[in-house]
Amino acid sequence: MSKRTVKKCVCHRIKFEDIYAVVIEQNIESLDELIDQKICGAGCGMCHPYIQKMLITGETTFAPGDVYIHAETG
């Protein structure tokens, strides 16, 4: 992983690890639920692919662009 990492929703200033704790606690299953509850993702949207990957894998720290690279290569 590169020295720089993506680890939070910038607009809401909340770390993905904190978002994931809420996901587990409240049994949240989708990005839309997080947005509806105003937890994250309602600003610029740059965090959306990272949050979607977090919901699938449980990862909370990403290399910049990681979610796009894997999407393109299958």
PDB file of N, CA and C in Angstrom:
ATOM      1  N   MET A   1       0.851  -1.177   0.000  1.00  0.00           N
ATOM      2  CA  MET A   1       0.000   0.000   0.000  1.00  0.00           C
ATOM      3  C   MET A   1       0.896   1.239   0.000  1.00  0.00           C
ATOM      4  N   SER A   2       0.493   2.269  -0.688  1.00  0.00           N
ATOM      5  CA  SER A   2       1.295   3.491  -0.747  1.00  0.00           C
ATOM      6  C   SER A   2       1.313   4.163   0.625  1.00  0.00           C
ATOM      7  N   LYS A   3       2.237   5.124   0.776  1.00  0.00           N
ATOM      8  CA  LYS A   3       2.330   5.850   2.039  1.00  0.00           C
ATOM      9  C   LYS A   3       1.089   6.681   2.291  1.00  0.00           C
ATOM     10  N   ARG A   4       0.472   7.146   1.250  1.00  0.00           N
ATOM     11  CA  ARG A   4      -0.763   7.915   1.382  1.00  0.00           C
ATOM     12  C   ARG A   4      -1.927   6.949   1.381  1.00  0.00           C
ATOM     13  N   THR A   5      -2.898   7.229   2.220  1.00  0.00           N
ATOM     14  CA  THR A   5      -4.059   6.346   2.287  1.00  0.00           C
ATOM     15  C   THR A   5      -5.348   7.153   2.305  1.00  0.00           C
ATOM     16  N   VAL A   6      -6.407   6.494   1.902  1.00  0.00           N
ATOM     17  CA  VAL A   6      -7.748   7.055   1.982  1.00  0.00           C
ATOM     18  C   VAL A   6      -8.399   6.352   3.155  1.00  0.00           C
ATOM     19  N   LYS A   7      -8.739   7.130   4.191  1.00  0.00           N
ATOM     20  CA  LYS A   7      -9.285   6.489   5.371  1.00  0.00           C
ATOM     21  C   LYS A   7     -10.437   7.247   6.026  1.00  0.00           C
ATOM     22  N   LYS A   8     -11.022   8.210   5.283  1.00  0.00           N
ATOM     23  CA  LYS A   8     -12.172   8.898   5.860  1.00  0.00           C
ATOM     24  C   LYS A   8     -13.020   9.597   4.803  1.00  0.00           C
ATOM     25  N   CYS A   9     -14.237   9.880   5.198  1.00  0.00           N
ATOM     26  CA  CYS A   9     -15.151  10.724   4.422  1.00  0.00           C
ATOM     27  C   CYS A   9     -14.764  12.159   4.772  1.00  0.00           C
ATOM     28  N   VAL A  10     -14.217  12.876   3.803  1.00  0.00           N
ATOM     29  CA  VAL A  10     -13.702  14.213   4.054  1.00  0.00           C
ATOM     30  C   VAL A  10     -14.811  15.200   4.395  1.00  0.00           C
ATOM     31  N   CYS A  11     -15.920  15.150   3.696  1.00  0.00           N
ATOM     32  CA  CYS A  11     -17.005  16.117   3.912  1.00  0.00           C
ATOM     33  C   CYS A  11     -17.593  16.013   5.319  1.00  0.00           C
ATOM     34  N   HIS A  12     -17.713  14.795   5.820  1.00  0.00           N
ATOM     35  CA  HIS A  12     -18.280  14.596   7.158  1.00  0.00           C
ATOM     36  C   HIS A  12     -17.207  14.447   8.234  1.00  0.00           C
ATOM     37  N   ARG A  13     -15.949  14.422   7.807  1.00  0.00           N
ATOM     38  CA  ARG A  13     -14.815  14.309   8.734  1.00  0.00           C
ATOM     39  C   ARG A  13     -14.951  13.109   9.666  1.00  0.00           C
ATOM     40  N   ILE A  14     -15.266  11.962   9.096  1.00  0.00           N
ATOM     41  CA  ILE A  14     -15.416  10.742   9.877  1.00  0.00           C
ATOM     42  C   ILE A  14     -14.593   9.626   9.235  1.00  0.00           C
ATOM     43  N   LYS A  15     -13.826   8.942  10.058  1.00  0.00           N
ATOM     44  CA  LYS A  15     -12.978   7.857   9.569  1.00  0.00           C
ATOM     45  C   LYS A  15     -13.828   6.652   9.167  1.00  0.00           C
ATOM     46  N   PHE A  16     -13.345   5.929   8.143  1.00  0.00           N
ATOM     47  CA  PHE A  16     -14.047   4.722   7.710  1.00  0.00           C
ATOM     48  C   PHE A  16     -14.157   3.711   8.849  1.00  0.00           C
ATOM     49  N   GLU A  17     -13.146   3.636   9.729  1.00  0.00           N
ATOM     50  CA  GLU A  17     -13.224   2.684  10.841  1.00  0.00           C
ATOM     51  C   GLU A  17     -14.364   3.048  11.785  1.00  0.00           C
ATOM     52  N   ASP A  18     -14.642   4.341  11.951  1.00  0.00           N
ATOM     53  CA  ASP A  18     -15.769   4.767  12.780  1.00  0.00           C
ATOM     54  C   ASP A  18     -17.101   4.510  12.080  1.00  0.00           C
ATOM     55  N   ILE A  19     -17.108   4.711  10.766  1.00  0.00           N
ATOM     56  CA  ILE A  19     -18.307   4.406   9.984  1.00  0.00           C
ATOM     57  C   ILE A  19     -18.601   2.917  10.075  1.00  0.00           C
ATOM     58  N   TYR A  20     -17.558   2.095   9.958  1.00  0.00           N
ATOM     59  CA  TYR A  20     -17.738   0.643  10.011  1.00  0.00           C
ATOM     60  C   TYR A  20     -18.281   0.199  11.365  1.00  0.00           C
ATOM     61  N   ALA A  21     -17.855   0.849  12.430  1.00  0.00           N
ATOM     62  CA  ALA A  21     -18.385   0.534  13.762  1.00  0.00           C
ATOM     63  C   ALA A  21     -19.894   0.793  13.813  1.00  0.00           C
ATOM     64  N   VAL A  22     -20.348   1.885  13.184  1.00  0.00           N
ATOM     65  CA  VAL A  22     -21.775   2.195  13.119  1.00  0.00           C
ATOM     66  C   VAL A  22     -22.504   1.162  12.253  1.00  0.00           C
ATOM     67  N   VAL A  23     -21.885   0.780  11.157  1.00  0.00           N
ATOM     68  CA  VAL A  23     -22.461  -0.237  10.262  1.00  0.00           C
ATOM     69  C   VAL A  23     -22.738  -1.518  11.040  1.00  0.00           C
ATOM     70  N   ILE A  24     -21.763  -1.958  11.823  1.00  0.00           N
ATOM     71  CA  ILE A  24     -21.910  -3.185  12.600  1.00  0.00           C
ATOM     72  C   ILE A  24     -22.963  -3.000  13.693  1.00  0.00           C
ATOM     73  N   GLU A  25     -22.866  -1.912  14.420  1.00  0.00           N
ATOM     74  CA  GLU A  25     -23.767  -1.644  15.542  1.00  0.00           C
ATOM     75  C   GLU A  25     -25.231  -1.543  15.101  1.00  0.00           C
ATOM     76  N   GLN A  26     -25.470  -0.875  13.960  1.00  0.00           N
ATOM     77  CA  GLN A  26     -26.836  -0.628  13.506  1.00  0.00           C
ATOM     78  C   GLN A  26     -27.275  -1.563  12.383  1.00  0.00           C
ATOM     79  N   ASN A  27     -26.428  -2.534  12.051  1.00  0.00           N
ATOM     80  CA  ASN A  27     -26.734  -3.503  10.996  1.00  0.00           C
ATOM     81  C   ASN A  27     -27.087  -2.819   9.669  1.00  0.00           C
ATOM     82  N   ILE A  28     -26.297  -1.827   9.312  1.00  0.00           N
ATOM     83  CA  ILE A  28     -26.492  -1.080   8.069  1.00  0.00           C
ATOM     84  C   ILE A  28     -25.925  -1.894   6.916  1.00  0.00           C
ATOM     85  N   GLU A  29     -26.642  -1.922   5.811  1.00  0.00           N
ATOM     86  CA  GLU A  29     -26.246  -2.755   4.685  1.00  0.00           C
ATOM     87  C   GLU A  29     -25.919  -1.993   3.413  1.00  0.00           C
ATOM     88  N   SER A  30     -26.154  -0.673   3.390  1.00  0.00           N
ATOM     89  CA  SER A  30     -25.935   0.044   2.134  1.00  0.00           C
ATOM     90  C   SER A  30     -25.441   1.468   2.362  1.00  0.00           C
ATOM     91  N   LEU A  31     -24.807   1.984   1.334  1.00  0.00           N
ATOM     92  CA  LEU A  31     -24.372   3.376   1.333  1.00  0.00           C
ATOM     93  C   LEU A  31     -25.575   4.305   1.476  1.00  0.00           C
ATOM     94  N   ASP A  32     -26.674   3.977   0.826  1.00  0.00           N
ATOM     95  CA  ASP A  32     -27.874   4.815   0.911  1.00  0.00           C
ATOM     96  C   ASP A  32     -28.352   4.969   2.352  1.00  0.00           C
ATOM     97  N   GLU A  33     -28.270   3.902   3.140  1.00  0.00           N
ATOM     98  CA  GLU A  33     -28.663   3.984   4.548  1.00  0.00           C
ATOM     99  C   GLU A  33     -27.745   4.931   5.307  1.00  0.00           C
ATOM    100  N   LEU A  34     -26.458   4.872   5.032  1.00  0.00           N
ATOM    101  CA  LEU A  34     -25.503   5.773   5.688  1.00  0.00           C
ATOM    102  C   LEU A  34     -25.790   7.220   5.317  1.00  0.00           C
ATOM    103  N   ILE A  35     -26.099   7.465   4.060  1.00  0.00           N
ATOM    104  CA  ILE A  35     -26.413   8.820   3.597  1.00  0.00           C
ATOM    105  C   ILE A  35     -27.719   9.296   4.228  1.00  0.00           C
ATOM    106  N   ASP A  36     -28.745   8.457   4.217  1.00  0.00           N
ATOM    107  CA  ASP A  36     -30.039   8.828   4.796  1.00  0.00           C
ATOM    108  C   ASP A  36     -29.924   9.192   6.272  1.00  0.00           C
ATOM    109  N   GLN A  37     -29.037   8.513   6.987  1.00  0.00           N
ATOM    110  CA  GLN A  37     -28.843   8.782   8.411  1.00  0.00           C
ATOM    111  C   GLN A  37     -27.823   9.892   8.661  1.00  0.00           C
ATOM    112  N   LYS A  38     -27.348  10.508   7.569  1.00  0.00           N
ATOM    113  CA  LYS A  38     -26.392  11.621   7.623  1.00  0.00           C
ATOM    114  C   LYS A  38     -25.102  11.255   8.366  1.00  0.00           C
ATOM    115  N   ILE A  39     -24.681   9.999   8.199  1.00  0.00           N
ATOM    116  CA  ILE A  39     -23.444   9.534   8.817  1.00  0.00           C
ATOM    117  C   ILE A  39     -22.256   9.905   7.933  1.00  0.00           C
ATOM    118  N   CYS A  40     -22.419   9.750   6.621  1.00  0.00           N
ATOM    119  CA  CYS A  40     -21.351  10.047   5.676  1.00  0.00           C
ATOM    120  C   CYS A  40     -21.908  10.015   4.259  1.00  0.00           C
ATOM    121  N   GLY A  41     -21.088  10.441   3.308  1.00  0.00           N
ATOM    122  CA  GLY A  41     -21.393  10.274   1.900  1.00  0.00           C
ATOM    123  C   GLY A  41     -22.367  11.242   1.267  1.00  0.00           C
ATOM    124  N   ALA A  42     -22.834  12.235   2.006  1.00  0.00           N
ATOM    125  CA  ALA A  42     -23.840  13.143   1.454  1.00  0.00           C
ATOM    126  C   ALA A  42     -23.234  14.414   0.868  1.00  0.00           C
ATOM    127  N   GLY A  43     -21.916  14.510   0.840  1.00  0.00           N
ATOM    128  CA  GLY A  43     -21.264  15.706   0.316  1.00  0.00           C
ATOM    129  C   GLY A  43     -20.804  15.513  -1.111  1.00  0.00           C
ATOM    130  N   CYS A  44     -19.500  15.468  -1.304  1.00  0.00           N
ATOM    131  CA  CYS A  44     -18.914  15.423  -2.649  1.00  0.00           C
ATOM    132  C   CYS A  44     -19.051  14.057  -3.334  1.00  0.00           C
ATOM    133  N   GLY A  45     -19.170  12.996  -2.544  1.00  0.00           N
ATOM    134  CA  GLY A  45     -19.328  11.654  -3.126  1.00  0.00           C
ATOM    135  C   GLY A  45     -18.030  10.925  -3.419  1.00  0.00           C
ATOM    136  N   MET A  46     -16.899  11.554  -3.158  1.00  0.00           N
ATOM    137  CA  MET A  46     -15.614  10.901  -3.432  1.00  0.00           C
ATOM    138  C   MET A  46     -15.417   9.640  -2.591  1.00  0.00           C
ATOM    139  N   CYS A  47     -16.074   9.556  -1.447  1.00  0.00           N
ATOM    140  CA  CYS A  47     -15.918   8.400  -0.566  1.00  0.00           C
ATOM    141  C   CYS A  47     -16.794   7.219  -0.979  1.00  0.00           C
ATOM    142  N   HIS A  48     -17.762   7.431  -1.842  1.00  0.00           N
ATOM    143  CA  HIS A  48     -18.732   6.379  -2.179  1.00  0.00           C
ATOM    144  C   HIS A  48     -18.101   5.040  -2.573  1.00  0.00           C
ATOM    145  N   PRO A  49     -17.171   5.002  -3.516  1.00  0.00           N
ATOM    146  CA  PRO A  49     -16.621   3.692  -3.879  1.00  0.00           C
ATOM    147  C   PRO A  49     -15.839   3.043  -2.741  1.00  0.00           C
ATOM    148  N   TYR A  50     -15.205   3.863  -1.908  1.00  0.00           N
ATOM    149  CA  TYR A  50     -14.464   3.314  -0.772  1.00  0.00           C
ATOM    150  C   TYR A  50     -15.428   2.746   0.274  1.00  0.00           C
ATOM    151  N   ILE A  51     -16.502   3.457   0.525  1.00  0.00           N
ATOM    152  CA  ILE A  51     -17.492   2.968   1.489  1.00  0.00           C
ATOM    153  C   ILE A  51     -18.155   1.700   0.972  1.00  0.00           C
ATOM    154  N   GLN A  52     -18.451   1.656  -0.320  1.00  0.00           N
ATOM    155  CA  GLN A  52     -19.052   0.448  -0.884  1.00  0.00           C
ATOM    156  C   GLN A  52     -18.107  -0.742  -0.730  1.00  0.00           C
ATOM    157  N   LYS A  53     -16.815  -0.532  -0.952  1.00  0.00           N
ATOM    158  CA  LYS A  53     -15.847  -1.615  -0.772  1.00  0.00           C
ATOM    159  C   LYS A  53     -15.753  -1.996   0.706  1.00  0.00           C
ATOM    160  N   MET A  54     -15.804  -1.013   1.582  1.00  0.00           N
ATOM    161  CA  MET A  54     -15.777  -1.273   3.017  1.00  0.00           C
ATOM    162  C   MET A  54     -16.954  -2.153   3.432  1.00  0.00           C
ATOM    163  N   LEU A  55     -18.122  -1.858   2.893  1.00  0.00           N
ATOM    164  CA  LEU A  55     -19.312  -2.642   3.223  1.00  0.00           C
ATOM    165  C   LEU A  55     -19.181  -4.094   2.770  1.00  0.00           C
ATOM    166  N   ILE A  56     -18.451  -4.319   1.692  1.00  0.00           N
ATOM    167  CA  ILE A  56     -18.264  -5.683   1.169  1.00  0.00           C
ATOM    168  C   ILE A  56     -17.135  -6.415   1.896  1.00  0.00           C
ATOM    169  N   THR A  57     -16.026  -5.713   2.121  1.00  0.00           N
ATOM    170  CA  THR A  57     -14.822  -6.389   2.614  1.00  0.00           C
ATOM    171  C   THR A  57     -14.505  -6.159   4.086  1.00  0.00           C
ATOM    172  N   GLY A  58     -15.014  -5.084   4.653  1.00  0.00           N
ATOM    173  CA  GLY A  58     -14.653  -4.727   6.019  1.00  0.00           C
ATOM    174  C   GLY A  58     -13.374  -3.914   6.108  1.00  0.00           C
ATOM    175  N   GLU A  59     -12.710  -3.682   4.975  1.00  0.00           N
ATOM    176  CA  GLU A  59     -11.498  -2.853   4.963  1.00  0.00           C
ATOM    177  C   GLU A  59     -11.866  -1.414   5.300  1.00  0.00           C
ATOM    178  N   THR A  60     -10.962  -0.711   5.987  1.00  0.00           N
ATOM    179  CA  THR A  60     -11.232   0.682   6.331  1.00  0.00           C
ATOM    180  C   THR A  60     -10.103   1.635   5.909  1.00  0.00           C
ATOM    181  N   THR A  61      -9.066   1.121   5.294  1.00  0.00           N
ATOM    182  CA  THR A  61      -7.964   1.939   4.792  1.00  0.00           C
ATOM    183  C   THR A  61      -7.626   1.470   3.381  1.00  0.00           C
ATOM    184  N   PHE A  62      -7.495   2.424   2.473  1.00  0.00           N
ATOM    185  CA  PHE A  62      -7.311   2.095   1.066  1.00  0.00           C
ATOM    186  C   PHE A  62      -6.183   2.905   0.459  1.00  0.00           C
ATOM    187  N   ALA A  63      -5.533   2.336  -0.550  1.00  0.00           N
ATOM    188  CA  ALA A  63      -4.597   3.101  -1.366  1.00  0.00           C
ATOM    189  C   ALA A  63      -5.431   3.999  -2.280  1.00  0.00           C
ATOM    190  N   PRO A  64      -4.984   5.217  -2.532  1.00  0.00           N
ATOM    191  CA  PRO A  64      -5.735   6.104  -3.418  1.00  0.00           C
ATOM    192  C   PRO A  64      -5.994   5.435  -4.768  1.00  0.00           C
ATOM    193  N   GLY A  65      -7.232   5.434  -5.197  1.00  0.00           N
ATOM    194  CA  GLY A  65      -7.603   4.855  -6.480  1.00  0.00           C
ATOM    195  C   GLY A  65      -7.772   3.354  -6.476  1.00  0.00           C
ATOM    196  N   ASP A  66      -7.480   2.704  -5.369  1.00  0.00           N
ATOM    197  CA  ASP A  66      -7.548   1.243  -5.260  1.00  0.00           C
ATOM    198  C   ASP A  66      -8.893   0.686  -5.735  1.00  0.00           C
ATOM    199  N   VAL A  67      -9.962   1.316  -5.368  1.00  0.00           N
ATOM    200  CA  VAL A  67     -11.278   0.794  -5.734  1.00  0.00           C
ATOM    201  C   VAL A  67     -11.522   0.885  -7.237  1.00  0.00           C
ATOM    202  N   TYR A  68     -10.888   1.838  -7.901  1.00  0.00           N
ATOM    203  CA  TYR A  68     -11.060   1.978  -9.341  1.00  0.00           C
ATOM    204  C   TYR A  68     -10.202   0.986 -10.103  1.00  0.00           C
ATOM    205  N   ILE A  69      -9.013   0.732  -9.615  1.00  0.00           N
ATOM    206  CA  ILE A  69      -8.102  -0.212 -10.271  1.00  0.00           C
ATOM    207  C   ILE A  69      -8.712  -1.594 -10.291  1.00  0.00           C
ATOM    208  N   HIS A  70      -9.243  -2.054  -9.175  1.00  0.00           N
ATOM    209  CA  HIS A  70      -9.830  -3.392  -9.084  1.00  0.00           C
ATOM    210  C   HIS A  70     -11.117  -3.504  -9.908  1.00  0.00           C
ATOM    211  N   ALA A  71     -11.863  -2.420  -9.993  1.00  0.00           N
ATOM    212  CA  ALA A  71     -13.103  -2.441 -10.769  1.00  0.00           C
ATOM    213  C   ALA A  71     -12.795  -2.634 -12.263  1.00  0.00           C
ATOM    214  N   GLU A  72     -11.715  -2.025 -12.721  1.00  0.00           N
ATOM    215  CA  GLU A  72     -11.367  -2.103 -14.143  1.00  0.00           C
ATOM    216  C   GLU A  72     -10.769  -3.462 -14.527  1.00  0.00           C
ATOM    217  N   THR A  73     -10.060  -4.085 -13.584  1.00  0.00           N
ATOM    218  CA  THR A  73      -9.400  -5.340 -13.905  1.00  0.00           C
ATOM    219  C   THR A  73     -10.235  -6.559 -13.546  1.00  0.00           C
ATOM    220  N   GLY A  74     -11.392  -6.314 -12.943  1.00  0.00           N
ATOM    221  CA  GLY A  74     -12.313  -7.402 -12.673  1.00  0.00           C
ATOM    222  C   GLY A  74     -12.076  -8.086 -11.420  1.00  0.00           C
TER     223      GLY A  74
END
